[in-house]
Amino acid sequence: MRLDAADRQLIDSYQRNLPVCERPYEEMARTLGLTEEEVIQRLSALQEQQVLSRVGPVFEHSQAGASLLAAVAAPEEQMDLVAARINRAPGVNHNYAREHTYNLWFVMTAPDEDTLEERLDELEHQLKLPMLRLPMVEGYHIDLGFDIDWEALP
């Protein structure tokens, strides 16, 4: 797959500093000399081609409410069912399977600690499974942007 100059510029320009405004794609388009529709179409195509896996901001979660890493020990034969139920709970993201007694791990967010605890309690009650709750003790910032040497790519 060949990416044209506009695709490369879009990727390079917005791995970081995605505009946080009412019309982010319009703002990106203005900067890149494209239309808003072109930006949306290009991002969609890049996702369909699996060049990009996600388009969206990464927030400093401690500034945006409360969150917690949690895990449940789901019976193997119920993994898909339990995962689907977890995914329907408000504020859940990053739900993934692990090879461990606690085999489904997810992050839950909420506007505040009380709401977070209520959501976790409700989900644990619905699942009827033990839940491991792992509050963050220390935060680490992982920069997910990459400097791409376009000339070195085939």
C-alpha atoms as a PDB file:
ATOM      1  CA  MET A   1       0.000   0.000   0.000  1.00  0.00           C
ATOM      2  CA  ARG A   2       1.298   3.429  -0.927  1.00  0.00           C
ATOM      3  CA  LEU A   3       0.441   6.466   1.147  1.00  0.00           C
ATOM      4  CA  ASP A   4       0.441   9.785  -0.658  1.00  0.00           C
ATOM      5  CA  ALA A   5       1.947  12.984   0.714  1.00  0.00           C
ATOM      6  CA  ALA A   6      -1.360  14.110   2.255  1.00  0.00           C
ATOM      7  CA  ASP A   7      -1.780  10.792   4.123  1.00  0.00           C
ATOM      8  CA  ARG A   8       1.772  11.012   5.438  1.00  0.00           C
ATOM      9  CA  GLN A   9       1.320  14.626   6.496  1.00  0.00           C
ATOM     10  CA  LEU A  10      -1.960  13.750   8.234  1.00  0.00           C
ATOM     11  CA  ILE A  11      -0.275  10.930  10.156  1.00  0.00           C
ATOM     12  CA  ASP A  12       2.810  12.963  11.030  1.00  0.00           C
ATOM     13  CA  SER A  13       0.871  16.066  12.084  1.00  0.00           C
ATOM     14  CA  TYR A  14      -1.717  14.415  14.316  1.00  0.00           C
ATOM     15  CA  GLN A  15      -0.083  11.571  16.171  1.00  0.00           C
ATOM     16  CA  ARG A  16       0.101  14.202  18.887  1.00  0.00           C
ATOM     17  CA  ASN A  17      -1.829  17.416  19.475  1.00  0.00           C
ATOM     18  CA  LEU A  18      -5.158  16.385  18.008  1.00  0.00           C
ATOM     19  CA  PRO A  19      -7.310  19.530  18.131  1.00  0.00           C
ATOM     20  CA  VAL A  20      -9.742  19.534  21.031  1.00  0.00           C
ATOM     21  CA  CYS A  21     -12.579  21.645  19.697  1.00  0.00           C
ATOM     22  CA  GLU A  22     -16.096  21.338  18.316  1.00  0.00           C
ATOM     23  CA  ARG A  23     -14.886  20.479  14.770  1.00  0.00           C
ATOM     24  CA  PRO A  24     -11.440  18.826  15.076  1.00  0.00           C
ATOM     25  CA  TYR A  25     -11.462  17.451  11.525  1.00  0.00           C
ATOM     26  CA  GLU A  26     -12.270  20.884  10.155  1.00  0.00           C
ATOM     27  CA  GLU A  27      -9.344  22.345  12.125  1.00  0.00           C
ATOM     28  CA  MET A  28      -7.041  19.566  10.855  1.00  0.00           C
ATOM     29  CA  ALA A  29      -8.239  20.191   7.291  1.00  0.00           C
ATOM     30  CA  ARG A  30      -7.537  23.912   7.538  1.00  0.00           C
ATOM     31  CA  THR A  31      -3.968  23.207   8.698  1.00  0.00           C
ATOM     32  CA  LEU A  32      -3.356  20.602   5.984  1.00  0.00           C
ATOM     33  CA  GLY A  33      -4.983  22.458   3.093  1.00  0.00           C
ATOM     34  CA  LEU A  34      -7.737  19.836   2.721  1.00  0.00           C
ATOM     35  CA  THR A  35     -11.472  19.836   3.241  1.00  0.00           C
ATOM     36  CA  GLU A  36     -13.040  18.441   6.391  1.00  0.00           C
ATOM     37  CA  GLU A  37     -14.634  15.662   4.305  1.00  0.00           C
ATOM     38  CA  GLU A  38     -11.241  14.749   2.810  1.00  0.00           C
ATOM     39  CA  VAL A  39      -9.711  14.412   6.276  1.00  0.00           C
ATOM     40  CA  ILE A  40     -12.582  12.201   7.436  1.00  0.00           C
ATOM     41  CA  GLN A  41     -12.382  10.058   4.279  1.00  0.00           C
ATOM     42  CA  ARG A  42      -8.611   9.686   4.555  1.00  0.00           C
ATOM     43  CA  LEU A  43      -8.756   8.726   8.234  1.00  0.00           C
ATOM     44  CA  SER A  44     -11.511   6.196   7.514  1.00  0.00           C
ATOM     45  CA  ALA A  45      -9.520   4.679   4.652  1.00  0.00           C
ATOM     46  CA  LEU A  46      -6.360   4.511   6.783  1.00  0.00           C
ATOM     47  CA  GLN A  47      -8.316   2.683   9.483  1.00  0.00           C
ATOM     48  CA  GLU A  48      -9.903   0.293   6.977  1.00  0.00           C
ATOM     49  CA  GLN A  49      -6.435  -0.475   5.588  1.00  0.00           C
ATOM     50  CA  GLN A  50      -5.179  -0.998   9.178  1.00  0.00           C
ATOM     51  CA  VAL A  51      -2.599   1.756   8.861  1.00  0.00           C
ATOM     52  CA  LEU A  52      -4.276   3.396  11.877  1.00  0.00           C
ATOM     53  CA  SER A  53      -5.952   1.481  14.669  1.00  0.00           C
ATOM     54  CA  ARG A  54      -7.507   4.419  16.490  1.00  0.00           C
ATOM     55  CA  VAL A  55      -8.213   8.094  15.916  1.00  0.00           C
ATOM     56  CA  GLY A  56      -8.858  10.110  19.038  1.00  0.00           C
ATOM     57  CA  PRO A  57      -7.292  11.979  21.900  1.00  0.00           C
ATOM     58  CA  VAL A  58      -5.541  10.462  24.902  1.00  0.00           C
ATOM     59  CA  PHE A  59      -6.537  12.267  28.068  1.00  0.00           C
ATOM     60  CA  GLU A  60      -4.758  12.593  31.374  1.00  0.00           C
ATOM     61  CA  HIS A  61      -7.359  10.476  33.111  1.00  0.00           C
ATOM     62  CA  SER A  62      -6.637  11.806  36.594  1.00  0.00           C
ATOM     63  CA  GLN A  63      -7.793  15.226  35.342  1.00  0.00           C
ATOM     64  CA  ALA A  64     -10.986  13.868  33.810  1.00  0.00           C
ATOM     65  CA  GLY A  65     -12.590  11.987  36.707  1.00  0.00           C
ATOM     66  CA  ALA A  66     -11.832   8.613  38.250  1.00  0.00           C
ATOM     67  CA  SER A  67     -10.604   5.358  36.742  1.00  0.00           C
ATOM     68  CA  LEU A  68      -9.438   1.942  37.829  1.00  0.00           C
ATOM     69  CA  LEU A  69      -7.953  -1.213  36.332  1.00  0.00           C
ATOM     70  CA  ALA A  70     -10.082  -4.225  37.204  1.00  0.00           C
ATOM     71  CA  ALA A  71     -10.057  -7.927  36.421  1.00  0.00           C
ATOM     72  CA  VAL A  72     -12.468 -10.828  36.731  1.00  0.00           C
ATOM     73  CA  ALA A  73     -11.941 -14.576  36.760  1.00  0.00           C
ATOM     74  CA  ALA A  74     -14.369 -15.711  34.062  1.00  0.00           C
ATOM     75  CA  PRO A  75     -14.928 -19.415  33.385  1.00  0.00           C
ATOM     76  CA  GLU A  76     -13.350 -20.244  29.999  1.00  0.00           C
ATOM     77  CA  GLU A  77     -16.655 -21.364  28.513  1.00  0.00           C
ATOM     78  CA  GLN A  78     -18.246 -18.009  29.468  1.00  0.00           C
ATOM     79  CA  MET A  79     -15.433 -15.664  28.406  1.00  0.00           C
ATOM     80  CA  ASP A  80     -17.264 -14.160  25.421  1.00  0.00           C
ATOM     81  CA  LEU A  81     -20.475 -13.726  27.389  1.00  0.00           C
ATOM     82  CA  VAL A  82     -18.703 -12.114  30.353  1.00  0.00           C
ATOM     83  CA  ALA A  83     -16.600  -9.877  28.076  1.00  0.00           C
ATOM     84  CA  ALA A  84     -19.746  -8.702  26.271  1.00  0.00           C
ATOM     85  CA  ARG A  85     -21.421  -7.875  29.593  1.00  0.00           C
ATOM     86  CA  ILE A  86     -18.356  -5.949  30.780  1.00  0.00           C
ATOM     87  CA  ASN A  87     -18.272  -4.016  27.490  1.00  0.00           C
ATOM     88  CA  ARG A  88     -21.884  -2.879  28.010  1.00  0.00           C
ATOM     89  CA  ALA A  89     -21.109  -1.349  31.408  1.00  0.00           C
ATOM     90  CA  PRO A  90     -20.818   2.442  31.443  1.00  0.00           C
ATOM     91  CA  GLY A  91     -17.283   3.784  31.352  1.00  0.00           C
ATOM     92  CA  VAL A  92     -15.543   0.550  30.322  1.00  0.00           C
ATOM     93  CA  ASN A  93     -12.635   0.549  27.885  1.00  0.00           C
ATOM     94  CA  HIS A  94      -9.513  -1.508  27.226  1.00  0.00           C
ATOM     95  CA  ASN A  95     -11.215  -4.842  27.920  1.00  0.00           C
ATOM     96  CA  TYR A  96      -8.848  -7.677  27.023  1.00  0.00           C
ATOM     97  CA  ALA A  97      -8.219 -11.352  27.787  1.00  0.00           C
ATOM     98  CA  ARG A  98      -5.134 -12.477  29.699  1.00  0.00           C
ATOM     99  CA  GLU A  99      -3.678 -15.870  30.525  1.00  0.00           C
ATOM    100  CA  HIS A 100      -4.184 -15.730  34.291  1.00  0.00           C
ATOM    101  CA  THR A 101      -6.720 -16.792  36.913  1.00  0.00           C
ATOM    102  CA  TYR A 102      -8.125 -13.296  36.476  1.00  0.00           C
ATOM    103  CA  ASN A 103      -8.485 -13.587  32.718  1.00  0.00           C
ATOM    104  CA  LEU A 104     -10.516 -10.505  31.668  1.00  0.00           C
ATOM    105  CA  TRP A 105      -8.940  -7.142  32.421  1.00  0.00           C
ATOM    106  CA  PHE A 106     -10.548  -3.764  31.796  1.00  0.00           C
ATOM    107  CA  VAL A 107     -10.378  -0.104  32.703  1.00  0.00           C
ATOM    108  CA  MET A 108     -13.487   1.597  34.010  1.00  0.00           C
ATOM    109  CA  THR A 109     -13.874   5.376  34.197  1.00  0.00           C
ATOM    110  CA  ALA A 110     -16.429   7.620  35.885  1.00  0.00           C
ATOM    111  CA  PRO A 111     -16.890  11.300  36.676  1.00  0.00           C
ATOM    112  CA  ASP A 112     -15.861  10.735  40.325  1.00  0.00           C
ATOM    113  CA  GLU A 113     -14.735   8.049  42.801  1.00  0.00           C
ATOM    114  CA  ASP A 114     -18.226   7.437  44.233  1.00  0.00           C
ATOM    115  CA  THR A 115     -19.734   6.822  40.797  1.00  0.00           C
ATOM    116  CA  LEU A 116     -16.808   4.583  39.888  1.00  0.00           C
ATOM    117  CA  GLU A 117     -17.319   2.432  42.986  1.00  0.00           C
ATOM    118  CA  GLU A 118     -21.076   2.226  42.314  1.00  0.00           C
ATOM    119  CA  ARG A 119     -20.441   1.110  38.725  1.00  0.00           C
ATOM    120  CA  LEU A 120     -17.891  -1.502  39.797  1.00  0.00           C
ATOM    121  CA  ASP A 121     -20.177  -2.810  42.554  1.00  0.00           C
ATOM    122  CA  GLU A 122     -23.087  -3.075  40.104  1.00  0.00           C
ATOM    123  CA  LEU A 123     -21.007  -4.872  37.493  1.00  0.00           C
ATOM    124  CA  GLU A 124     -19.589  -7.282  40.067  1.00  0.00           C
ATOM    125  CA  HIS A 125     -23.140  -8.002  41.279  1.00  0.00           C
ATOM    126  CA  GLN A 126     -24.359  -8.651  37.711  1.00  0.00           C
ATOM    127  CA  LEU A 127     -21.418 -10.880  36.825  1.00  0.00           C
ATOM    128  CA  LYS A 128     -21.516 -12.837  40.082  1.00  0.00           C
ATOM    129  CA  LEU A 129     -17.747 -13.202  39.733  1.00  0.00           C
ATOM    130  CA  PRO A 130     -14.928 -12.016  41.996  1.00  0.00           C
ATOM    131  CA  MET A 131     -13.452  -8.727  40.831  1.00  0.00           C
ATOM    132  CA  LEU A 132      -9.907  -7.605  41.439  1.00  0.00           C
ATOM    133  CA  ARG A 133      -9.688  -3.809  41.745  1.00  0.00           C
ATOM    134  CA  LEU A 134      -6.294  -2.247  41.101  1.00  0.00           C
ATOM    135  CA  PRO A 135      -6.200   1.516  41.676  1.00  0.00           C
ATOM    136  CA  MET A 136      -3.298   3.342  40.096  1.00  0.00           C
ATOM    137  CA  VAL A 137      -0.556   4.053  42.600  1.00  0.00           C
ATOM    138  CA  GLU A 138       1.780   5.878  40.213  1.00  0.00           C
ATOM    139  CA  GLY A 139       1.103   7.170  36.717  1.00  0.00           C
ATOM    140  CA  TYR A 140       3.368   6.769  33.712  1.00  0.00           C
ATOM    141  CA  HIS A 141       3.098   8.637  30.435  1.00  0.00           C
ATOM    142  CA  ILE A 142       3.718   6.505  27.381  1.00  0.00           C
ATOM    143  CA  ASP A 143       4.148   8.552  24.217  1.00  0.00           C
ATOM    144  CA  LEU A 144       2.325   6.655  21.492  1.00  0.00           C
ATOM    145  CA  GLY A 145       3.597   8.828  18.661  1.00  0.00           C
ATOM    146  CA  PHE A 146       6.312   7.653  16.314  1.00  0.00           C
ATOM    147  CA  ASP A 147       8.719   9.547  14.091  1.00  0.00           C
ATOM    148  CA  ILE A 148       8.328   7.807  10.746  1.00  0.00           C
ATOM    149  CA  ASP A 149      11.118   7.692   8.190  1.00  0.00           C
ATOM    150  CA  TRP A 150       8.889   7.604   5.101  1.00  0.00           C
ATOM    151  CA  GLU A 151      11.877   7.332   2.760  1.00  0.00           C
ATOM    152  CA  ALA A 152      13.022   4.075   4.397  1.00  0.00           C
ATOM    153  CA  LEU A 153       9.637   2.371   3.878  1.00  0.00           C
ATOM    154  CA  PRO A 154       9.086   0.214   0.793  1.00  0.00           C
END
